Amino acid sequence: MWFVHTRTVAIHYVRAALRACPEPSVVLAGAGIPASLLADDRARVTPAQYTKFIQTLWEVLDDEFMGFGPRPSKRGTFAMMCLLAVHCPDLESALRRGLAFYSLFDEPLHLSLDDGRFSLEIPGDPDHFLTESLLVLWHRFSSWLIGRRIPLQGAEFAYQEPAHAAEYHLIFGCPLTFDAPATTILFDPKFLRMPVVQDEAALRRFLRYSPAELLSRRDHGADTAGHVRRLLGRGVHRTGGRGRSAGGVRADLAQEARRGGDVVPRGAGAVAARPGGGLAGAGRGVGGGVGAAPRVLRGERLPPGFQAVDRVLARFLPRLTQNLSRSRSEAGGRNRSPYVSAR
């Protein structure tokens, strides 16, 4: 599986992933995982090793399903699905577009979305490795799309409880049911109505290390820091690296608060929405230099949540423009599609 809630990954998932690989030693060496660990049921690998392991496995097999799907899924398929989904207005339409995309292939996966139930069936998946990996992938990709973690209400599996069932509690973080009629994850349907907050610029950054990197993190940038970084990063890309006005960030934060979201604290949104409140203390764009960031929220009496936003801005803004401008320059020098994951 491509996911980690804990600091390490059980060796079971490395063994399961290698079942269809003709060159396991090459993949293990590429990830820096000693082959001797495969014989130790108690062994674990780091998230960094597991991310590299999956990336190397994809490269060796040229198959995002890693040999467990009804047919191979060439590298870049997931990226193209993401490109279609990121332009949808809300999570439900994004997921349905993704399902429609995968249904176009010969011998498609059996994927379905019914309100707050996401189900799939993959015949010929001996360790249920691909099945569980895709459950987690779609769940966390959904969280990334809307910029907030979607807590699961339950996970059901159409097979017997495995010997490593303790890992499932760490992975899914919800009540588990085995020997169920279908393999399904359940969540509150309200999340389906939430807007997609990512764009193509964010998608390019995301795809550099995805899905392995996305699935090695739990909250997917859904905290206050990640949310503000996304708003600011979007502004830098839209303005060609010139930076984002404080008023623009304030307007976005206020809009999020009016939507009733749980990422930006409601007290913060109220301050941001008031004329002259929140970010109004800044007299120039946030890309205006190192000294601009600490003055973005100067002298304001702010709720604790918005003070956290201020700290994020002060820490992050001085290097935002430089980093994102460098990313744009690097992407511009490539001849290949920017949506194909780079190693």
C-alpha atoms as a PDB file:
ATOM      1  CA  MET A   1       0.000   0.000   0.000  1.00  0.00           C
ATOM      2  CA  TRP A   2       1.125   3.551  -0.633  1.00  0.00           C
ATOM      3  CA  PHE A   3       0.236   5.043   2.693  1.00  0.00           C
ATOM      4  CA  VAL A   4       1.537   5.731   6.139  1.00  0.00           C
ATOM      5  CA  HIS A   5      -0.272   6.925   9.259  1.00  0.00           C
ATOM      6  CA  THR A   6       2.615   5.839  11.442  1.00  0.00           C
ATOM      7  CA  ARG A   7       6.281   6.689  11.115  1.00  0.00           C
ATOM      8  CA  THR A   8       7.149   3.401   9.418  1.00  0.00           C
ATOM      9  CA  VAL A   9       5.576   0.888   7.027  1.00  0.00           C
ATOM     10  CA  ALA A  10       5.221  -2.825   7.747  1.00  0.00           C
ATOM     11  CA  ILE A  11       7.393  -5.088   5.586  1.00  0.00           C
ATOM     12  CA  HIS A  12       4.233  -6.992   4.601  1.00  0.00           C
ATOM     13  CA  TYR A  13       3.370  -4.244   2.111  1.00  0.00           C
ATOM     14  CA  VAL A  14       6.803  -4.396   0.513  1.00  0.00           C
ATOM     15  CA  ARG A  15       6.488  -8.157   0.057  1.00  0.00           C
ATOM     16  CA  ALA A  16       2.965  -7.831  -1.307  1.00  0.00           C
ATOM     17  CA  ALA A  17       3.985  -5.163  -3.822  1.00  0.00           C
ATOM     18  CA  LEU A  18       6.823  -7.322  -5.139  1.00  0.00           C
ATOM     19  CA  ARG A  19       4.669 -10.375  -5.838  1.00  0.00           C
ATOM     20  CA  ALA A  20       4.263  -9.484  -9.531  1.00  0.00           C
ATOM     21  CA  CYS A  21       7.705  -7.919 -10.003  1.00  0.00           C
ATOM     22  CA  PRO A  22      10.239  -9.875 -12.127  1.00  0.00           C
ATOM     23  CA  GLU A  23      13.187  -7.878 -10.767  1.00  0.00           C
ATOM     24  CA  PRO A  24      12.628  -7.450  -7.008  1.00  0.00           C
ATOM     25  CA  SER A  25      16.321  -6.985  -6.251  1.00  0.00           C
ATOM     26  CA  VAL A  26      16.483  -3.982  -8.585  1.00  0.00           C
ATOM     27  CA  VAL A  27      13.499  -2.333  -6.932  1.00  0.00           C
ATOM     28  CA  LEU A  28      14.743  -2.991  -3.400  1.00  0.00           C
ATOM     29  CA  ALA A  29      18.207  -1.666  -4.215  1.00  0.00           C
ATOM     30  CA  GLY A  30      16.711   1.445  -5.798  1.00  0.00           C
ATOM     31  CA  ALA A  31      14.795   2.160  -2.595  1.00  0.00           C
ATOM     32  CA  GLY A  32      17.676   1.318  -0.260  1.00  0.00           C
ATOM     33  CA  ILE A  33      15.768  -1.559   1.358  1.00  0.00           C
ATOM     34  CA  PRO A  34      17.946  -4.577   2.292  1.00  0.00           C
ATOM     35  CA  ALA A  35      16.567  -7.801   0.812  1.00  0.00           C
ATOM     36  CA  SER A  36      17.136  -9.523   4.164  1.00  0.00           C
ATOM     37  CA  LEU A  37      14.246  -7.526   5.674  1.00  0.00           C
ATOM     38  CA  LEU A  38      11.734  -9.493   3.601  1.00  0.00           C
ATOM     39  CA  ALA A  39      12.267 -12.542   5.822  1.00  0.00           C
ATOM     40  CA  ASP A  40      11.554 -10.630   9.039  1.00  0.00           C
ATOM     41  CA  ASP A  41       7.828 -10.221   9.725  1.00  0.00           C
ATOM     42  CA  ARG A  42       8.596  -7.545  12.322  1.00  0.00           C
ATOM     43  CA  ALA A  43      10.668  -5.393   9.964  1.00  0.00           C
ATOM     44  CA  ARG A  44       9.493  -1.935   8.899  1.00  0.00           C
ATOM     45  CA  VAL A  45      10.734   0.643   6.399  1.00  0.00           C
ATOM     46  CA  THR A  46      10.650   4.428   6.528  1.00  0.00           C
ATOM     47  CA  PRO A  47       8.105   6.497   4.582  1.00  0.00           C
ATOM     48  CA  ALA A  48      10.947   7.843   2.420  1.00  0.00           C
ATOM     49  CA  GLN A  49      12.083   4.314   1.568  1.00  0.00           C
ATOM     50  CA  TYR A  50       8.549   3.231   0.763  1.00  0.00           C
ATOM     51  CA  THR A  51       7.915   6.250  -1.444  1.00  0.00           C
ATOM     52  CA  LYS A  52      11.105   5.533  -3.387  1.00  0.00           C
ATOM     53  CA  PHE A  53      10.199   1.849  -3.491  1.00  0.00           C
ATOM     54  CA  ILE A  54       6.836   2.519  -5.175  1.00  0.00           C
ATOM     55  CA  GLN A  55       8.352   5.004  -7.606  1.00  0.00           C
ATOM     56  CA  THR A  56      11.048   2.495  -8.605  1.00  0.00           C
ATOM     57  CA  LEU A  57       8.484  -0.279  -8.932  1.00  0.00           C
ATOM     58  CA  TRP A  58       6.399   1.878 -11.267  1.00  0.00           C
ATOM     59  CA  GLU A  59       9.465   2.601 -13.366  1.00  0.00           C
ATOM     60  CA  VAL A  60      10.540  -1.033 -13.628  1.00  0.00           C
ATOM     61  CA  LEU A  61       7.059  -2.321 -14.482  1.00  0.00           C
ATOM     62  CA  ASP A  62       5.724   0.747 -16.336  1.00  0.00           C
ATOM     63  CA  ASP A  63       2.462  -0.124 -14.635  1.00  0.00           C
ATOM     64  CA  GLU A  64       0.722   2.008 -12.020  1.00  0.00           C
ATOM     65  CA  PHE A  65      -1.277  -1.074 -10.989  1.00  0.00           C
ATOM     66  CA  MET A  66       2.030  -2.878 -10.313  1.00  0.00           C
ATOM     67  CA  GLY A  67       0.935  -6.074 -12.035  1.00  0.00           C
ATOM     68  CA  PHE A  68      -2.269  -6.537 -10.006  1.00  0.00           C
ATOM     69  CA  GLY A  69      -4.816  -4.906 -12.299  1.00  0.00           C
ATOM     70  CA  PRO A  70      -6.815  -6.607 -15.050  1.00  0.00           C
ATOM     71  CA  ARG A  71      -4.476  -4.847 -17.503  1.00  0.00           C
ATOM     72  CA  PRO A  72      -1.378  -2.652 -17.020  1.00  0.00           C
ATOM     73  CA  SER A  73      -1.938   1.045 -16.387  1.00  0.00           C
ATOM     74  CA  LYS A  74       0.911   2.963 -18.009  1.00  0.00           C
ATOM     75  CA  ARG A  75       2.760   5.598 -16.031  1.00  0.00           C
ATOM     76  CA  GLY A  76       1.030   8.942 -16.450  1.00  0.00           C
ATOM     77  CA  THR A  77      -2.501   7.517 -16.418  1.00  0.00           C
ATOM     78  CA  PHE A  78      -3.171   8.697 -12.871  1.00  0.00           C
ATOM     79  CA  ALA A  79      -1.766  12.135 -13.752  1.00  0.00           C
ATOM     80  CA  MET A  80      -4.185  12.495 -16.656  1.00  0.00           C
ATOM     81  CA  MET A  81      -7.100  11.561 -14.411  1.00  0.00           C
ATOM     82  CA  CYS A  82      -5.973  14.229 -11.946  1.00  0.00           C
ATOM     83  CA  LEU A  83      -5.832  16.820 -14.715  1.00  0.00           C
ATOM     84  CA  LEU A  84      -9.465  16.093 -15.572  1.00  0.00           C
ATOM     85  CA  ALA A  85     -10.619  16.105 -11.952  1.00  0.00           C
ATOM     86  CA  VAL A  86      -8.901  19.305 -10.832  1.00  0.00           C
ATOM     87  CA  HIS A  87     -11.087  21.423 -13.141  1.00  0.00           C
ATOM     88  CA  CYS A  88     -14.363  20.219 -11.613  1.00  0.00           C
ATOM     89  CA  PRO A  89     -16.368  22.566  -9.373  1.00  0.00           C
ATOM     90  CA  ASP A  90     -16.878  20.175  -6.457  1.00  0.00           C
ATOM     91  CA  LEU A  91     -15.625  16.862  -5.103  1.00  0.00           C
ATOM     92  CA  GLU A  92     -18.515  14.733  -6.341  1.00  0.00           C
ATOM     93  CA  SER A  93     -18.144  15.857  -9.949  1.00  0.00           C
ATOM     94  CA  ALA A  94     -14.357  15.379  -9.698  1.00  0.00           C
ATOM     95  CA  LEU A  95     -14.717  11.812  -8.441  1.00  0.00           C
ATOM     96  CA  ARG A  96     -17.334  10.935 -11.028  1.00  0.00           C
ATOM     97  CA  ARG A  97     -15.141  12.324 -13.779  1.00  0.00           C
ATOM     98  CA  GLY A  98     -12.267  10.201 -12.492  1.00  0.00           C
ATOM     99  CA  LEU A  99     -14.447   7.095 -12.448  1.00  0.00           C
ATOM    100  CA  ALA A 100     -15.632   7.825 -15.981  1.00  0.00           C
ATOM    101  CA  PHE A 101     -12.017   8.205 -17.104  1.00  0.00           C
ATOM    102  CA  TYR A 102     -10.979   4.781 -15.810  1.00  0.00           C
ATOM    103  CA  SER A 103     -14.125   3.172 -17.244  1.00  0.00           C
ATOM    104  CA  LEU A 104     -12.883   3.992 -20.757  1.00  0.00           C
ATOM    105  CA  PHE A 105     -10.159   1.336 -20.616  1.00  0.00           C
ATOM    106  CA  ASP A 106     -10.508  -2.277 -21.693  1.00  0.00           C
ATOM    107  CA  GLU A 107     -11.222  -4.496 -18.686  1.00  0.00           C
ATOM    108  CA  PRO A 108     -11.787  -1.501 -16.397  1.00  0.00           C
ATOM    109  CA  LEU A 109     -11.671  -1.604 -12.635  1.00  0.00           C
ATOM    110  CA  HIS A 110     -15.004  -1.955 -10.889  1.00  0.00           C
ATOM    111  CA  LEU A 111     -15.255   1.417  -9.134  1.00  0.00           C
ATOM    112  CA  SER A 112     -18.428   3.063  -7.853  1.00  0.00           C
ATOM    113  CA  LEU A 113     -19.546   6.075  -5.826  1.00  0.00           C
ATOM    114  CA  ASP A 114     -22.906   6.021  -4.072  1.00  0.00           C
ATOM    115  CA  ASP A 115     -23.391   9.095  -1.929  1.00  0.00           C
ATOM    116  CA  GLY A 116     -20.788   8.672   0.816  1.00  0.00           C
ATOM    117  CA  ARG A 117     -19.778   5.124  -0.157  1.00  0.00           C
ATOM    118  CA  PHE A 118     -16.807   4.507  -2.433  1.00  0.00           C
ATOM    119  CA  SER A 119     -16.478   0.866  -3.500  1.00  0.00           C
ATOM    120  CA  LEU A 120     -14.206  -1.141  -5.747  1.00  0.00           C
ATOM    121  CA  GLU A 121     -13.590  -4.708  -6.802  1.00  0.00           C
ATOM    122  CA  ILE A 122     -10.388  -6.033  -8.370  1.00  0.00           C
ATOM    123  CA  PRO A 123     -10.377  -9.738  -9.266  1.00  0.00           C
ATOM    124  CA  GLY A 124      -7.028 -11.498  -9.117  1.00  0.00           C
ATOM    125  CA  ASP A 125      -5.502  -9.311  -6.385  1.00  0.00           C
ATOM    126  CA  PRO A 126      -4.025 -12.064  -4.166  1.00  0.00           C
ATOM    127  CA  ASP A 127      -2.987  -9.986  -1.151  1.00  0.00           C
ATOM    128  CA  HIS A 128      -5.639  -7.287  -1.738  1.00  0.00           C
ATOM    129  CA  PHE A 129      -2.682  -4.980  -2.157  1.00  0.00           C
ATOM    130  CA  LEU A 130      -3.975  -2.989  -5.129  1.00  0.00           C
ATOM    131  CA  THR A 131      -7.514  -2.957  -3.749  1.00  0.00           C
ATOM    132  CA  GLU A 132      -6.500  -1.363  -0.470  1.00  0.00           C
ATOM    133  CA  SER A 133      -3.961   0.908  -2.130  1.00  0.00           C
ATOM    134  CA  LEU A 134      -6.598   2.354  -4.439  1.00  0.00           C
ATOM    135  CA  LEU A 135      -9.036   2.842  -1.572  1.00  0.00           C
ATOM    136  CA  VAL A 136      -6.471   4.939   0.226  1.00  0.00           C
ATOM    137  CA  LEU A 137      -5.351   6.686  -2.948  1.00  0.00           C
ATOM    138  CA  TRP A 138      -8.842   7.880  -3.846  1.00  0.00           C
ATOM    139  CA  HIS A 139      -9.589   8.886  -0.271  1.00  0.00           C
ATOM    140  CA  ARG A 140      -6.478  10.992   0.133  1.00  0.00           C
ATOM    141  CA  PHE A 141      -6.639  12.416  -3.360  1.00  0.00           C
ATOM    142  CA  SER A 142     -10.159  13.561  -2.477  1.00  0.00           C
ATOM    143  CA  SER A 143      -8.837  15.229   0.656  1.00  0.00           C
ATOM    144  CA  TRP A 144      -6.154  16.977  -1.401  1.00  0.00           C
ATOM    145  CA  LEU A 145      -8.716  18.216  -3.937  1.00  0.00           C
ATOM    146  CA  ILE A 146     -10.817  20.008  -1.329  1.00  0.00           C
ATOM    147  CA  GLY A 147      -7.880  21.011   0.876  1.00  0.00           C
ATOM    148  CA  ARG A 148      -9.055  19.298   4.037  1.00  0.00           C
ATOM    149  CA  ARG A 149      -8.914  15.856   5.583  1.00  0.00           C
ATOM    150  CA  ILE A 150     -11.996  13.715   5.047  1.00  0.00           C
ATOM    151  CA  PRO A 151     -12.458  11.509   8.128  1.00  0.00           C
ATOM    152  CA  LEU A 152     -13.669   8.012   7.336  1.00  0.00           C
ATOM    153  CA  GLN A 153     -16.745   6.708   9.107  1.00  0.00           C
ATOM    154  CA  GLY A 154     -15.970   3.089   8.285  1.00  0.00           C
ATOM    155  CA  ALA A 155     -14.057   0.704   6.037  1.00  0.00           C
ATOM    156  CA  GLU A 156     -15.501  -2.623   4.890  1.00  0.00           C
ATOM    157  CA  PHE A 157     -13.609  -5.477   3.236  1.00  0.00           C
ATOM    158  CA  ALA A 158     -15.048  -8.379   1.263  1.00  0.00           C
ATOM    159  CA  TYR A 159     -12.564 -10.886   2.679  1.00  0.00           C
ATOM    160  CA  GLN A 160     -11.456 -12.364   5.964  1.00  0.00           C
ATOM    161  CA  GLU A 161      -9.516 -10.413   8.544  1.00  0.00           C
ATOM    162  CA  PRO A 162      -5.794 -10.822   7.738  1.00  0.00           C
ATOM    163  CA  ALA A 163      -3.002 -11.572  10.176  1.00  0.00           C
ATOM    164  CA  HIS A 164      -1.739  -7.980   9.921  1.00  0.00           C
ATOM    165  CA  ALA A 165      -5.151  -6.455  10.697  1.00  0.00           C
ATOM    166  CA  ALA A 166      -3.629  -4.185  13.354  1.00  0.00           C
ATOM    167  CA  GLU A 167      -2.106  -2.147  10.508  1.00  0.00           C
ATOM    168  CA  TYR A 168      -5.580  -1.405   9.139  1.00  0.00           C
ATOM    169  CA  HIS A 169      -6.497   0.604  12.219  1.00  0.00           C
ATOM    170  CA  LEU A 170      -3.424   2.752  11.716  1.00  0.00           C
ATOM    171  CA  ILE A 171      -4.061   3.154   7.999  1.00  0.00           C
ATOM    172  CA  PHE A 172      -7.784   3.858   7.879  1.00  0.00           C
ATOM    173  CA  GLY A 173      -8.366   5.282  11.359  1.00  0.00           C
ATOM    174  CA  CYS A 174     -12.009   4.175  11.496  1.00  0.00           C
ATOM    175  CA  PRO A 175     -14.198   1.182  12.431  1.00  0.00           C
ATOM    176  CA  LEU A 176     -13.375  -1.878  10.315  1.00  0.00           C
ATOM    177  CA  THR A 177     -15.621  -4.671   9.034  1.00  0.00           C
ATOM    178  CA  PHE A 178     -14.340  -7.873   7.386  1.00  0.00           C
ATOM    179  CA  ASP A 179     -16.298 -10.499   5.444  1.00  0.00           C
ATOM    180  CA  ALA A 180     -18.494  -7.656   4.186  1.00  0.00           C
ATOM    181  CA  PRO A 181     -20.555  -7.841   0.963  1.00  0.00           C
ATOM    182  CA  ALA A 182     -18.232  -5.368  -0.785  1.00  0.00           C
ATOM    183  CA  THR A 183     -14.974  -3.508  -0.223  1.00  0.00           C
ATOM    184  CA  THR A 184     -15.965   0.049   0.628  1.00  0.00           C
ATOM    185  CA  ILE A 185     -14.937   3.181   2.488  1.00  0.00           C
ATOM    186  CA  LEU A 186     -17.633   5.381   4.007  1.00  0.00           C
ATOM    187  CA  PHE A 187     -17.576   9.123   4.706  1.00  0.00           C
ATOM    188  CA  ASP A 188     -20.010  11.975   5.323  1.00  0.00           C
ATOM    189  CA  PRO A 189     -21.684  12.876   1.996  1.00  0.00           C
ATOM    190  CA  LYS A 190     -21.373  16.584   2.855  1.00  0.00           C
ATOM    191  CA  PHE A 191     -17.777  16.448   1.625  1.00  0.00           C
ATOM    192  CA  LEU A 192     -19.006  15.645  -1.884  1.00  0.00           C
ATOM    193  CA  ARG A 193     -20.548  19.107  -2.083  1.00  0.00           C
ATOM    194  CA  MET A 194     -17.372  20.907  -1.079  1.00  0.00           C
ATOM    195  CA  PRO A 195     -15.525  22.877  -3.768  1.00  0.00           C
ATOM    196  CA  VAL A 196     -12.328  21.742  -5.435  1.00  0.00           C
ATOM    197  CA  VAL A 197      -9.710  24.250  -4.272  1.00  0.00           C
ATOM    198  CA  GLN A 198      -6.689  23.045  -6.250  1.00  0.00           C
ATOM    199  CA  ASP A 199      -5.619  24.197  -9.714  1.00  0.00           C
ATOM    200  CA  GLU A 200      -3.177  23.147 -12.423  1.00  0.00           C
ATOM    201  CA  ALA A 201      -0.264  24.930 -10.763  1.00  0.00           C
ATOM    202  CA  ALA A 202      -0.859  23.000  -7.543  1.00  0.00           C
ATOM    203  CA  LEU A 203      -1.334  19.815  -9.545  1.00  0.00           C
ATOM    204  CA  ARG A 204       2.074  20.148 -11.204  1.00  0.00           C
ATOM    205  CA  ARG A 205       3.741  20.443  -7.807  1.00  0.00           C
ATOM    206  CA  PHE A 206       1.673  17.593  -6.413  1.00  0.00           C
ATOM    207  CA  LEU A 207       2.524  15.221  -9.267  1.00  0.00           C
ATOM    208  CA  ARG A 208       6.269  15.539  -8.806  1.00  0.00           C
ATOM    209  CA  TYR A 209       6.178  13.005  -5.989  1.00  0.00           C
ATOM    210  CA  SER A 210       2.674  11.574  -6.220  1.00  0.00           C
ATOM    211  CA  PRO A 211       0.844   9.503  -5.432  1.00  0.00           C
ATOM    212  CA  ALA A 212       3.443   7.965  -3.135  1.00  0.00           C
ATOM    213  CA  GLU A 213       4.326  11.247  -1.413  1.00  0.00           C
ATOM    214  CA  LEU A 214       0.684  12.267  -0.994  1.00  0.00           C
ATOM    215  CA  LEU A 215      -0.157   8.929   0.547  1.00  0.00           C
ATOM    216  CA  SER A 216       2.694   9.098   3.041  1.00  0.00           C
ATOM    217  CA  ARG A 217       1.053  12.089   4.724  1.00  0.00           C
ATOM    218  CA  ARG A 218      -2.148  12.119   6.676  1.00  0.00           C
ATOM    219  CA  ASP A 219      -3.629  15.598   6.306  1.00  0.00           C
ATOM    220  CA  HIS A 220      -2.506  16.490   2.783  1.00  0.00           C
ATOM    221  CA  GLY A 221      -1.933  20.200   3.391  1.00  0.00           C
ATOM    222  CA  ALA A 222      -5.370  20.556   4.966  1.00  0.00           C
ATOM    223  CA  ASP A 223      -4.181  22.470   8.015  1.00  0.00           C
ATOM    224  CA  THR A 224      -4.007  26.249   8.263  1.00  0.00           C
ATOM    225  CA  ALA A 225      -0.409  26.387   7.086  1.00  0.00           C
ATOM    226  CA  GLY A 226      -1.054  24.273   4.011  1.00  0.00           C
ATOM    227  CA  HIS A 227      -4.211  26.177   3.207  1.00  0.00           C
ATOM    228  CA  VAL A 228      -2.492  29.577   3.298  1.00  0.00           C
ATOM    229  CA  ARG A 229       0.440  28.239   1.265  1.00  0.00           C
ATOM    230  CA  ARG A 230      -2.008  27.090  -1.399  1.00  0.00           C
ATOM    231  CA  LEU A 231      -3.733  30.474  -1.585  1.00  0.00           C
ATOM    232  CA  LEU A 232      -0.456  32.317  -1.813  1.00  0.00           C
ATOM    233  CA  GLY A 233       1.139  29.888  -4.243  1.00  0.00           C
ATOM    234  CA  ARG A 234      -1.851  30.165  -6.561  1.00  0.00           C
ATOM    235  CA  GLY A 235      -1.421  33.944  -6.601  1.00  0.00           C
ATOM    236  CA  VAL A 236       2.273  33.768  -7.458  1.00  0.00           C
ATOM    237  CA  HIS A 237       1.625  31.501 -10.431  1.00  0.00           C
ATOM    238  CA  ARG A 238      -1.255  33.612 -11.711  1.00  0.00           C
ATOM    239  CA  THR A 239       0.784  36.795 -11.565  1.00  0.00           C
ATOM    240  CA  GLY A 240       3.845  35.305 -13.232  1.00  0.00           C
ATOM    241  CA  GLY A 241       5.902  35.217 -10.030  1.00  0.00           C
ATOM    242  CA  ARG A 242       5.249  38.849  -9.037  1.00  0.00           C
ATOM    243  CA  GLY A 243       3.539  37.991  -5.768  1.00  0.00           C
ATOM    244  CA  ARG A 244       0.065  38.252  -4.273  1.00  0.00           C
ATOM    245  CA  SER A 245      -1.659  41.292  -2.817  1.00  0.00           C
ATOM    246  CA  ALA A 246      -2.625  41.163   0.831  1.00  0.00           C
ATOM    247  CA  GLY A 247      -6.166  42.149  -0.133  1.00  0.00           C
ATOM    248  CA  GLY A 248      -6.393  39.158  -2.443  1.00  0.00           C
ATOM    249  CA  VAL A 249      -5.377  36.731   0.292  1.00  0.00           C
ATOM    250  CA  ARG A 250      -7.813  38.385   2.711  1.00  0.00           C
ATOM    251  CA  ALA A 251     -10.651  37.993   0.202  1.00  0.00           C
ATOM    252  CA  ASP A 252      -9.866  34.309  -0.299  1.00  0.00           C
ATOM    253  CA  LEU A 253      -9.748  33.646   3.433  1.00  0.00           C
ATOM    254  CA  ALA A 254     -13.067  35.423   3.906  1.00  0.00           C
ATOM    255  CA  GLN A 255     -14.619  33.406   1.090  1.00  0.00           C
ATOM    256  CA  GLU A 256     -13.483  30.157   2.706  1.00  0.00           C
ATOM    257  CA  ALA A 257     -15.047  31.263   5.994  1.00  0.00           C
ATOM    258  CA  ARG A 258     -18.367  32.076   4.270  1.00  0.00           C
ATOM    259  CA  ARG A 259     -18.369  28.548   2.824  1.00  0.00           C
ATOM    260  CA  GLY A 260     -18.290  27.237   6.365  1.00  0.00           C
ATOM    261  CA  GLY A 261     -15.073  25.342   5.898  1.00  0.00           C
ATOM    262  CA  ASP A 262     -13.081  23.993   8.823  1.00  0.00           C
ATOM    263  CA  VAL A 263      -9.624  24.826   7.475  1.00  0.00           C
ATOM    264  CA  VAL A 264      -9.649  28.578   8.042  1.00  0.00           C
ATOM    265  CA  PRO A 265     -10.822  29.343  11.610  1.00  0.00           C
ATOM    266  CA  ARG A 266     -14.183  31.090  11.604  1.00  0.00           C
ATOM    267  CA  GLY A 267     -12.903  33.860  13.818  1.00  0.00           C
ATOM    268  CA  ALA A 268     -10.165  34.411  11.296  1.00  0.00           C
ATOM    269  CA  GLY A 269     -12.649  34.686   8.457  1.00  0.00           C
ATOM    270  CA  ALA A 270     -14.722  37.203  10.365  1.00  0.00           C
ATOM    271  CA  VAL A 271     -11.708  39.434  10.904  1.00  0.00           C
ATOM    272  CA  ALA A 272     -10.627  39.023   7.297  1.00  0.00           C
ATOM    273  CA  ALA A 273     -14.081  39.921   6.005  1.00  0.00           C
ATOM    274  CA  ARG A 274     -14.269  43.233   7.895  1.00  0.00           C
ATOM    275  CA  PRO A 275     -13.158  46.332   6.017  1.00  0.00           C
ATOM    276  CA  GLY A 276      -9.710  47.196   7.296  1.00  0.00           C
ATOM    277  CA  GLY A 277      -9.459  43.958   9.218  1.00  0.00           C
ATOM    278  CA  GLY A 278      -7.003  41.093   9.045  1.00  0.00           C
ATOM    279  CA  LEU A 279      -4.548  41.542   6.225  1.00  0.00           C
ATOM    280  CA  ALA A 280      -5.406  45.163   5.518  1.00  0.00           C
ATOM    281  CA  GLY A 281      -2.369  46.319   7.453  1.00  0.00           C
ATOM    282  CA  ALA A 282      -0.106  45.376   4.601  1.00  0.00           C
ATOM    283  CA  GLY A 283       0.427  48.173   2.128  1.00  0.00           C
ATOM    284  CA  ARG A 284       1.934  46.098  -0.681  1.00  0.00           C
ATOM    285  CA  GLY A 285       1.875  42.631  -2.243  1.00  0.00           C
ATOM    286  CA  VAL A 286       3.178  39.696  -0.286  1.00  0.00           C
ATOM    287  CA  GLY A 287       5.888  39.207  -2.878  1.00  0.00           C
ATOM    288  CA  GLY A 288       7.371  42.559  -1.920  1.00  0.00           C
ATOM    289  CA  GLY A 289      10.395  41.211  -0.107  1.00  0.00           C
ATOM    290  CA  VAL A 290      11.595  39.683   3.133  1.00  0.00           C
ATOM    291  CA  GLY A 291      10.379  42.573   5.263  1.00  0.00           C
ATOM    292  CA  ALA A 292       6.826  42.440   3.943  1.00  0.00           C
ATOM    293  CA  ALA A 293       5.684  39.227   5.606  1.00  0.00           C
ATOM    294  CA  PRO A 294       6.020  40.143   9.314  1.00  0.00           C
ATOM    295  CA  ARG A 295       3.967  43.315   8.707  1.00  0.00           C
ATOM    296  CA  VAL A 296       1.070  41.543   6.995  1.00  0.00           C
ATOM    297  CA  LEU A 297      -0.951  41.337  10.209  1.00  0.00           C
ATOM    298  CA  ARG A 298       0.836  43.962  12.290  1.00  0.00           C
ATOM    299  CA  GLY A 299      -0.903  45.609  15.195  1.00  0.00           C
ATOM    300  CA  GLU A 300      -4.170  43.669  14.944  1.00  0.00           C
ATOM    301  CA  ARG A 301      -6.136  42.137  17.793  1.00  0.00           C
ATOM    302  CA  LEU A 302      -6.798  38.744  16.298  1.00  0.00           C
ATOM    303  CA  PRO A 303      -8.428  35.499  17.424  1.00  0.00           C
ATOM    304  CA  PRO A 304      -5.967  32.655  18.110  1.00  0.00           C
ATOM    305  CA  GLY A 305      -6.773  30.956  14.805  1.00  0.00           C
ATOM    306  CA  PHE A 306      -5.925  34.016  12.759  1.00  0.00           C
ATOM    307  CA  GLN A 307      -2.773  34.602  14.754  1.00  0.00           C
ATOM    308  CA  ALA A 308      -1.722  31.157  13.537  1.00  0.00           C
ATOM    309  CA  VAL A 309      -2.287  32.352   9.979  1.00  0.00           C
ATOM    310  CA  ASP A 310      -0.132  35.380  10.703  1.00  0.00           C
ATOM    311  CA  ARG A 311       2.693  33.128  11.929  1.00  0.00           C
ATOM    312  CA  VAL A 312       2.433  31.011   8.789  1.00  0.00           C
ATOM    313  CA  LEU A 313       2.619  34.106   6.603  1.00  0.00           C
ATOM    314  CA  ALA A 314       5.592  35.489   8.465  1.00  0.00           C
ATOM    315  CA  ARG A 315       7.524  32.251   8.208  1.00  0.00           C
ATOM    316  CA  PHE A 316       6.614  31.290   4.683  1.00  0.00           C
ATOM    317  CA  LEU A 317       6.288  34.423   2.554  1.00  0.00           C
ATOM    318  CA  PRO A 318       9.966  35.473   2.380  1.00  0.00           C
ATOM    319  CA  ARG A 319      10.841  32.423   0.306  1.00  0.00           C
ATOM    320  CA  LEU A 320       7.547  31.805  -1.482  1.00  0.00           C
ATOM    321  CA  THR A 321       8.186  33.800  -4.649  1.00  0.00           C
ATOM    322  CA  GLN A 322      11.745  32.565  -5.022  1.00  0.00           C
ATOM    323  CA  ASN A 323      10.814  28.894  -4.718  1.00  0.00           C
ATOM    324  CA  LEU A 324       7.776  28.987  -6.976  1.00  0.00           C
ATOM    325  CA  SER A 325       9.499  31.110  -9.593  1.00  0.00           C
ATOM    326  CA  ARG A 326      12.322  28.569  -9.682  1.00  0.00           C
ATOM    327  CA  SER A 327       9.754  25.805 -10.158  1.00  0.00           C
ATOM    328  CA  ARG A 328       8.228  27.668 -13.079  1.00  0.00           C
ATOM    329  CA  SER A 329      11.632  28.104 -14.693  1.00  0.00           C
ATOM    330  CA  GLU A 330      12.450  24.415 -14.299  1.00  0.00           C
ATOM    331  CA  ALA A 331       9.100  23.359 -15.741  1.00  0.00           C
ATOM    332  CA  GLY A 332       9.539  25.706 -18.684  1.00  0.00           C
ATOM    333  CA  GLY A 333      12.787  24.011 -19.665  1.00  0.00           C
ATOM    334  CA  ARG A 334      11.259  20.572 -20.031  1.00  0.00           C
ATOM    335  CA  ASN A 335       9.955  19.198 -23.289  1.00  0.00           C
ATOM    336  CA  ARG A 336       7.797  16.513 -21.707  1.00  0.00           C
ATOM    337  CA  SER A 337       4.330  17.017 -20.326  1.00  0.00           C
ATOM    338  CA  PRO A 338       4.349  18.748 -16.919  1.00  0.00           C
ATOM    339  CA  TYR A 339       1.696  16.312 -15.732  1.00  0.00           C
ATOM    340  CA  VAL A 340       3.916  13.227 -15.870  1.00  0.00           C
ATOM    341  CA  SER A 341       5.346  12.560 -12.427  1.00  0.00           C
ATOM    342  CA  ALA A 342       9.067  13.354 -12.228  1.00  0.00           C
ATOM    343  CA  ARG A 343      11.517  11.403 -10.111  1.00  0.00           C
END
